[in-house]
Amino acid sequence: MTLQPVPPFGRRAPGVNPVARPLGAPVPSGLHPQTPVVVDLGGLAVRRLLPRRQRRLVGPWCFFDLFGPLRFAAGKPLDVPPHPHIGLQTVTWLLEGEALHNDSLGSRATAVPGALNLMTSGRGIAHAEETPPAHSGRLHGVQLWIALPDAQRDGPPAFDHYASRPVVAAGGAQVTVILGSLLGAHAEGRTFSPLVAAEIACAAGGETRLPLDPGFEHALVPLSGDWRADGGALDVETLYFLEPGPRELRLTAAAPGRALLLGGAPFDQKILMWWNFVARTTAEIEAAREDWELGRRFGAVAAYDGPRLPAPRFTARPVPANPVS
């Protein structure tokens, strides 16, 4: 895949460029930053925060792609043809715009802000994601992957659409619980590991204190605005990792902004990631690739108008390359 510094479709929305810390500014204590790499996803430039060399997992969360914010009048900035998955769950969460999901089970659902698309691959599923014909001309969101534990990774595939998520006021912030429990609210969802995901929206001058499970690893990703954590400045579109132990995270916003919080119990099972597969052995990856190329196991995404993605050539040793989300 070729790398592009900016998306060829549309343009970044004004007033949402990352706010950088001053050169040499210290990172808040206990937070370990890692910056994204830019990856071309079918013509859409995304910023990939997981997996990276510094850190490949946050609890069971093994993949984090950020796309947009974009403004466009025509075209399909999001257009990912049918492709296969094994051993994972996909989470599509939008801040702006729409993303149409179709899969080989016959599921069809449009993700919009405040709604969650959650797909469980189990032993194998194929899906496509695209900008629908009727759209707002905006696109900003994330796709996340959750590694499935051994007991569930060979189970049946499934898809769930949740039209709303619980929203809780927390000091000067509104917190949307995407999955798991936080601030006394529980977001229903088909999950198989202890985890949490939440979106935090804060007005200028707002402050919030988020309770943390001390047994979880956590990651905080500022998406827009000008954030401080325990008084230290944060960069937008940077993942800040927290080891297990802390029970609270204090956030303040000097400008209106949004951020994502992910967390989960440390995932103690070794995984191998190649293309769209989360596996344990190279033999599993080779078998999944062969099944996709021969039209076995994954089924067809009949609702997508166009060809499916062919599998790339497999190298002898899988590496955490650039999976298609």
Protein backbone atom coordinates (compact mmCIF):
# COMPACT_ATOMS: atom_id res chain seq x y z
CA MET A 1 0.00 0.00 0.00
CA THR A 2 1.15 3.53 -0.66
CA LEU A 3 1.12 6.16 2.05
CA GLN A 4 -0.56 9.52 1.58
CA PRO A 5 -0.23 12.53 3.87
CA VAL A 6 -3.78 13.76 3.21
CA PRO A 7 -7.00 12.13 1.98
CA PRO A 8 -7.67 12.50 -1.77
CA PHE A 9 -11.40 12.85 -1.09
CA GLY A 10 -12.66 16.11 0.34
CA ARG A 11 -10.68 18.17 2.81
CA ARG A 12 -10.01 18.29 6.52
CA ALA A 13 -12.60 20.36 8.31
CA PRO A 14 -11.41 23.79 9.44
CA GLY A 15 -10.56 24.33 13.07
CA VAL A 16 -9.86 20.69 13.89
CA ASN A 17 -6.12 20.45 13.30
CA PRO A 18 -4.16 18.85 16.14
CA VAL A 19 -2.93 21.12 18.91
CA ALA A 20 0.72 20.28 19.51
CA ARG A 21 2.48 20.63 22.84
CA PRO A 22 5.33 23.15 22.90
CA LEU A 23 8.67 21.67 21.90
CA GLY A 24 10.20 19.97 24.91
CA ALA A 25 7.02 20.08 26.99
CA PRO A 26 6.91 17.16 29.44
CA VAL A 27 4.47 14.29 29.01
CA PRO A 28 2.09 13.96 31.98
CA SER A 29 3.37 11.47 34.54
CA GLY A 30 2.31 7.87 33.92
CA LEU A 31 1.18 8.47 30.33
CA HIS A 32 3.23 6.83 27.57
CA PRO A 33 2.62 8.49 24.16
CA GLN A 34 2.74 6.91 20.73
CA THR A 35 2.04 8.77 17.53
CA PRO A 36 0.18 7.37 14.50
CA VAL A 37 1.44 6.23 11.13
CA VAL A 38 -0.56 7.36 8.07
CA VAL A 39 -1.92 4.49 5.96
CA ASP A 40 -3.82 4.53 2.65
CA LEU A 41 -7.11 2.67 3.05
CA GLY A 42 -8.52 2.46 -0.47
CA GLY A 43 -7.82 6.15 -1.11
CA LEU A 44 -8.74 7.30 2.40
CA ALA A 45 -5.77 8.30 4.55
CA VAL A 46 -6.16 7.00 8.10
CA ARG A 47 -3.99 7.48 11.17
CA ARG A 48 -3.12 4.13 12.73
CA LEU A 49 -2.42 4.15 16.47
CA LEU A 50 -2.51 0.38 17.07
CA PRO A 51 -0.69 -1.82 16.43
CA ARG A 52 2.62 0.09 16.61
CA ARG A 53 6.14 -0.97 17.43
CA GLN A 54 5.96 0.64 20.89
CA ARG A 55 2.69 -1.07 21.83
CA ARG A 56 0.48 -3.58 20.04
CA LEU A 57 -2.26 -4.15 22.62
CA VAL A 58 -4.25 -2.22 25.20
CA GLY A 59 -6.05 -4.98 27.07
CA PRO A 60 -7.74 -6.92 24.23
CA TRP A 61 -7.83 -3.83 21.95
CA CYS A 62 -5.42 -4.64 19.10
CA PHE A 63 -6.23 -2.11 16.36
CA PHE A 64 -7.09 1.60 16.25
CA ASP A 65 -7.66 3.53 13.00
CA LEU A 66 -8.74 7.17 12.99
CA PHE A 67 -10.19 8.77 9.84
CA GLY A 68 -11.35 12.30 9.05
CA PRO A 69 -12.66 14.81 9.82
CA LEU A 70 -13.56 15.29 6.16
CA ARG A 71 -15.97 17.50 4.24
CA PHE A 72 -16.98 16.32 0.76
CA ALA A 73 -19.69 17.00 -1.79
CA ALA A 74 -19.49 13.88 -3.94
CA GLY A 75 -17.81 10.51 -4.13
CA LYS A 76 -17.33 7.80 -1.49
CA PRO A 77 -14.42 8.65 0.79
CA LEU A 78 -15.13 5.44 2.68
CA ASP A 79 -15.24 2.49 0.29
CA VAL A 80 -13.75 -0.75 1.60
CA PRO A 81 -14.81 -3.73 -0.59
CA PRO A 82 -15.68 -7.13 0.89
CA HIS A 83 -12.81 -8.62 2.87
CA PRO A 84 -12.50 -11.41 5.47
CA HIS A 85 -11.85 -11.44 9.22
CA ILE A 86 -11.04 -14.12 11.77
CA GLY A 87 -10.38 -14.02 15.51
CA LEU A 88 -11.60 -10.52 16.27
CA GLN A 89 -14.43 -8.06 16.77
CA THR A 90 -14.71 -4.79 14.85
CA VAL A 91 -16.05 -1.62 16.48
CA THR A 92 -17.16 1.22 14.21
CA TRP A 93 -17.76 4.48 16.07
CA LEU A 94 -18.44 7.77 14.31
CA LEU A 95 -18.13 11.36 15.49
CA GLU A 96 -19.58 12.71 12.22
CA GLY A 97 -21.10 11.24 9.09
CA GLU A 98 -22.31 7.79 8.09
CA ALA A 99 -20.80 4.36 7.35
CA LEU A 100 -22.86 1.61 5.74
CA HIS A 101 -22.05 -1.94 6.86
CA ASN A 102 -22.94 -5.07 4.84
CA ASP A 103 -21.70 -8.56 5.63
CA SER A 104 -21.89 -12.20 4.58
CA LEU A 105 -24.59 -12.92 7.19
CA GLY A 106 -26.90 -10.53 5.34
CA SER A 107 -26.60 -7.84 8.04
CA ARG A 108 -27.02 -4.25 6.88
CA ALA A 109 -26.73 -1.24 9.19
CA THR A 110 -25.61 2.37 8.96
CA ALA A 111 -23.35 3.67 11.67
CA VAL A 112 -24.06 7.28 12.68
CA PRO A 113 -22.83 9.38 15.63
CA GLY A 114 -24.05 7.89 18.90
CA ALA A 115 -24.74 4.43 17.43
CA LEU A 116 -22.44 1.41 17.54
CA ASN A 117 -21.73 -1.23 14.91
CA LEU A 118 -20.15 -4.30 16.53
CA MET A 119 -19.17 -7.28 14.39
CA THR A 120 -17.87 -10.58 15.78
CA SER A 121 -15.88 -12.56 13.24
CA GLY A 122 -15.54 -15.79 15.19
CA ARG A 123 -14.23 -18.46 12.83
CA GLY A 124 -14.84 -16.24 9.80
CA ILE A 125 -16.95 -13.47 8.30
CA ALA A 126 -16.70 -11.06 5.37
CA HIS A 127 -17.95 -7.48 5.32
CA ALA A 128 -17.77 -4.19 3.44
CA GLU A 129 -18.01 -0.60 4.66
CA GLU A 130 -18.82 2.41 2.52
CA THR A 131 -20.26 5.90 2.50
CA PRO A 132 -23.99 5.44 1.76
CA PRO A 133 -25.67 7.21 -1.20
CA ALA A 134 -27.56 9.52 1.18
CA HIS A 135 -24.93 11.19 3.34
CA SER A 136 -24.18 14.40 5.22
CA GLY A 137 -20.95 15.19 3.35
CA ARG A 138 -18.97 14.62 6.56
CA LEU A 139 -16.85 11.78 7.87
CA HIS A 140 -14.95 11.44 11.15
CA GLY A 141 -14.59 8.31 13.19
CA VAL A 142 -12.62 5.32 14.34
CA GLN A 143 -12.50 1.63 13.70
CA LEU A 144 -11.22 -0.57 16.51
CA TRP A 145 -10.52 -4.27 16.77
CA ILE A 146 -10.86 -6.47 19.86
CA ALA A 147 -8.88 -9.72 19.89
CA LEU A 148 -11.11 -12.67 20.72
CA PRO A 149 -9.97 -15.08 23.47
CA ASP A 150 -9.26 -18.71 22.63
CA ALA A 151 -12.65 -19.86 23.89
CA GLN A 152 -14.57 -17.65 21.43
CA ARG A 153 -12.33 -17.08 18.43
CA ASP A 154 -13.57 -20.17 16.59
CA GLY A 155 -17.23 -19.57 17.43
CA PRO A 156 -20.03 -18.44 15.10
CA PRO A 157 -19.89 -14.98 13.49
CA ALA A 158 -22.40 -12.31 14.51
CA PHE A 159 -23.31 -8.67 13.97
CA ASP A 160 -24.98 -6.25 16.39
CA HIS A 161 -26.17 -2.68 15.83
CA TYR A 162 -26.90 -0.56 18.89
CA ALA A 163 -28.87 2.57 18.02
CA SER A 164 -27.88 4.46 21.19
CA ARG A 165 -25.38 4.36 24.03
CA PRO A 166 -25.69 5.67 27.61
CA VAL A 167 -24.52 9.25 28.20
CA VAL A 168 -23.41 10.42 31.64
CA ALA A 169 -22.53 13.91 32.93
CA ALA A 170 -19.17 13.90 34.70
CA GLY A 171 -18.15 17.33 35.96
CA GLY A 172 -17.69 19.53 32.92
CA ALA A 173 -17.86 16.63 30.44
CA GLN A 174 -20.44 14.44 28.75
CA VAL A 175 -19.26 10.83 28.66
CA THR A 176 -20.76 8.35 26.19
CA VAL A 177 -20.12 4.78 27.28
CA ILE A 178 -19.56 2.78 24.09
CA LEU A 179 -18.88 -0.62 25.66
CA GLY A 180 -18.48 -1.80 29.22
CA SER A 181 -19.18 0.16 32.38
CA LEU A 182 -18.08 3.62 33.50
CA LEU A 183 -19.43 6.22 35.94
CA GLY A 184 -22.25 3.92 36.98
CA ALA A 185 -23.52 3.41 33.42
CA HIS A 186 -23.34 0.12 31.50
CA ALA A 187 -23.33 -0.13 27.71
CA GLU A 188 -24.79 -3.42 26.56
CA GLY A 189 -22.71 -5.27 24.01
CA ARG A 190 -21.56 -8.72 22.90
CA THR A 191 -18.06 -8.81 24.44
CA PHE A 192 -15.83 -11.64 25.68
CA SER A 193 -13.13 -9.89 27.73
CA PRO A 194 -13.29 -7.34 30.56
CA LEU A 195 -13.07 -3.98 28.77
CA VAL A 196 -14.36 -0.42 28.49
CA ALA A 197 -14.64 2.18 25.73
CA ALA A 198 -15.98 5.72 26.09
CA GLU A 199 -16.10 9.04 24.27
CA ILE A 200 -15.50 12.18 26.37
CA ALA A 201 -16.80 15.57 25.16
CA CYS A 202 -15.75 18.64 27.11
CA ALA A 203 -16.50 22.36 26.75
CA ALA A 204 -13.78 25.00 27.02
CA GLY A 205 -12.70 25.29 30.62
CA GLY A 206 -14.36 22.01 31.57
CA GLU A 207 -12.86 19.46 33.92
CA THR A 208 -13.72 15.84 34.63
CA ARG A 209 -12.38 13.03 36.79
CA LEU A 210 -12.75 9.59 35.24
CA PRO A 211 -12.62 6.52 37.49
CA LEU A 212 -10.26 3.83 36.21
CA ASP A 213 -10.27 0.11 36.93
CA PRO A 214 -6.83 -0.43 38.54
CA GLY A 215 -6.64 -3.89 36.97
CA PHE A 216 -7.00 -2.53 33.43
CA GLU A 217 -4.53 -1.19 30.93
CA HIS A 218 -5.92 2.07 29.49
CA ALA A 219 -5.36 4.32 26.51
CA LEU A 220 -6.50 7.92 26.14
CA VAL A 221 -6.66 9.41 22.63
CA PRO A 222 -7.50 13.14 22.34
CA LEU A 223 -9.39 13.59 19.04
CA SER A 224 -9.88 17.37 18.99
CA GLY A 225 -9.46 20.38 21.25
CA ASP A 226 -6.73 21.28 23.74
CA TRP A 227 -6.49 18.76 26.59
CA ARG A 228 -4.58 18.47 29.85
CA ALA A 229 -4.20 15.31 31.94
CA ASP A 230 -3.33 15.93 35.57
CA GLY A 231 -2.13 19.36 34.46
CA GLY A 232 0.14 18.22 31.61
CA ALA A 233 -0.59 19.10 27.97
CA LEU A 234 -1.62 16.38 25.51
CA ASP A 235 -1.23 16.13 21.75
CA VAL A 236 -4.31 15.45 19.64
CA GLU A 237 -4.33 12.20 17.64
CA THR A 238 -1.75 10.63 19.95
CA LEU A 239 -2.38 7.49 22.00
CA TYR A 240 -1.42 7.80 25.68
CA PHE A 241 -1.00 4.43 27.38
CA LEU A 242 -1.48 3.90 31.13
CA GLU A 243 -0.24 0.79 32.91
CA PRO A 244 -2.58 -0.90 35.41
CA GLY A 245 -2.70 0.75 38.82
CA PRO A 246 -4.23 4.26 38.60
CA ARG A 247 -7.79 4.65 39.91
CA GLU A 248 -8.56 8.06 38.40
CA LEU A 249 -7.67 10.29 35.46
CA ARG A 250 -8.24 14.04 35.75
CA LEU A 251 -8.83 15.80 32.43
CA THR A 252 -9.29 19.49 31.65
CA ALA A 253 -10.04 21.17 28.32
CA ALA A 254 -8.72 24.61 27.38
CA ALA A 255 -10.83 24.43 24.19
CA PRO A 256 -13.90 22.38 23.25
CA GLY A 257 -12.81 18.88 22.42
CA ARG A 258 -13.43 15.15 22.33
CA ALA A 259 -11.34 12.18 23.34
CA LEU A 260 -11.61 8.38 23.49
CA LEU A 261 -10.81 6.21 26.48
CA LEU A 262 -10.14 2.49 25.98
CA GLY A 263 -9.33 -0.04 28.64
CA GLY A 264 -9.21 -3.72 29.39
CA ALA A 265 -7.63 -6.45 31.44
CA PRO A 266 -4.16 -7.35 30.09
CA PHE A 267 -4.60 -9.87 27.28
CA ASP A 268 -2.40 -12.83 28.20
CA GLN A 269 -2.74 -14.77 24.94
CA LYS A 270 -0.19 -14.32 22.17
CA ILE A 271 -1.70 -13.13 18.89
CA LEU A 272 -0.43 -12.93 15.32
CA MET A 273 -1.91 -10.22 13.08
CA TRP A 274 -1.63 -10.32 9.30
CA TRP A 275 -3.88 -8.49 6.84
CA ASN A 276 -7.37 -8.81 8.40
CA PHE A 277 -6.67 -11.86 10.51
CA VAL A 278 -6.00 -12.19 14.24
CA ALA A 279 -4.65 -15.68 14.78
CA ARG A 280 -2.29 -17.71 16.94
CA THR A 281 -0.21 -19.57 14.32
CA THR A 282 1.00 -19.08 10.77
CA ALA A 283 -0.91 -22.23 9.79
CA GLU A 284 -4.20 -20.56 10.81
CA ILE A 285 -3.35 -17.51 8.69
CA GLU A 286 -2.38 -19.63 5.70
CA ALA A 287 -5.63 -21.60 5.96
CA ALA A 288 -7.75 -18.44 6.26
CA ARG A 289 -6.03 -16.83 3.27
CA GLU A 290 -6.51 -19.95 1.16
CA ASP A 291 -10.18 -20.21 2.14
CA TRP A 292 -10.77 -16.58 1.14
CA GLU A 293 -9.03 -16.98 -2.20
CA LEU A 294 -10.98 -20.17 -2.96
CA GLY A 295 -14.35 -18.79 -1.86
CA ARG A 296 -14.69 -20.99 1.22
CA ARG A 297 -15.66 -20.34 4.85
CA PHE A 298 -16.37 -16.56 4.74
CA GLY A 299 -19.38 -16.31 2.43
CA ALA A 300 -20.25 -13.49 0.04
CA VAL A 301 -21.30 -9.90 0.72
CA ALA A 302 -24.12 -9.86 -1.82
CA ALA A 303 -25.27 -6.31 -1.02
CA TYR A 304 -21.98 -4.71 -2.07
CA ASP A 305 -21.85 -3.51 -5.68
CA GLY A 306 -18.34 -4.34 -6.80
CA PRO A 307 -15.52 -6.88 -6.60
CA ARG A 308 -14.13 -8.13 -3.33
CA LEU A 309 -10.58 -7.54 -2.14
CA PRO A 310 -8.04 -10.22 -3.08
CA ALA A 311 -5.70 -11.38 -0.34
CA PRO A 312 -2.15 -10.06 -0.57
CA ARG A 313 0.71 -12.45 -1.05
CA PHE A 314 1.54 -14.21 2.19
CA THR A 315 5.10 -14.11 3.45
CA ALA A 316 6.57 -16.95 5.44
CA ARG A 317 6.46 -14.99 8.70
CA PRO A 318 3.39 -12.86 9.49
CA VAL A 319 4.10 -9.31 10.53
CA PRO A 320 1.79 -6.59 11.91
CA ALA A 321 1.54 -4.93 8.51
CA ASN A 322 -1.26 -2.62 7.41
CA PRO A 323 -4.55 -4.49 7.82
CA VAL A 324 -7.60 -3.29 5.97
CA SER A 325 -10.26 -2.23 8.46
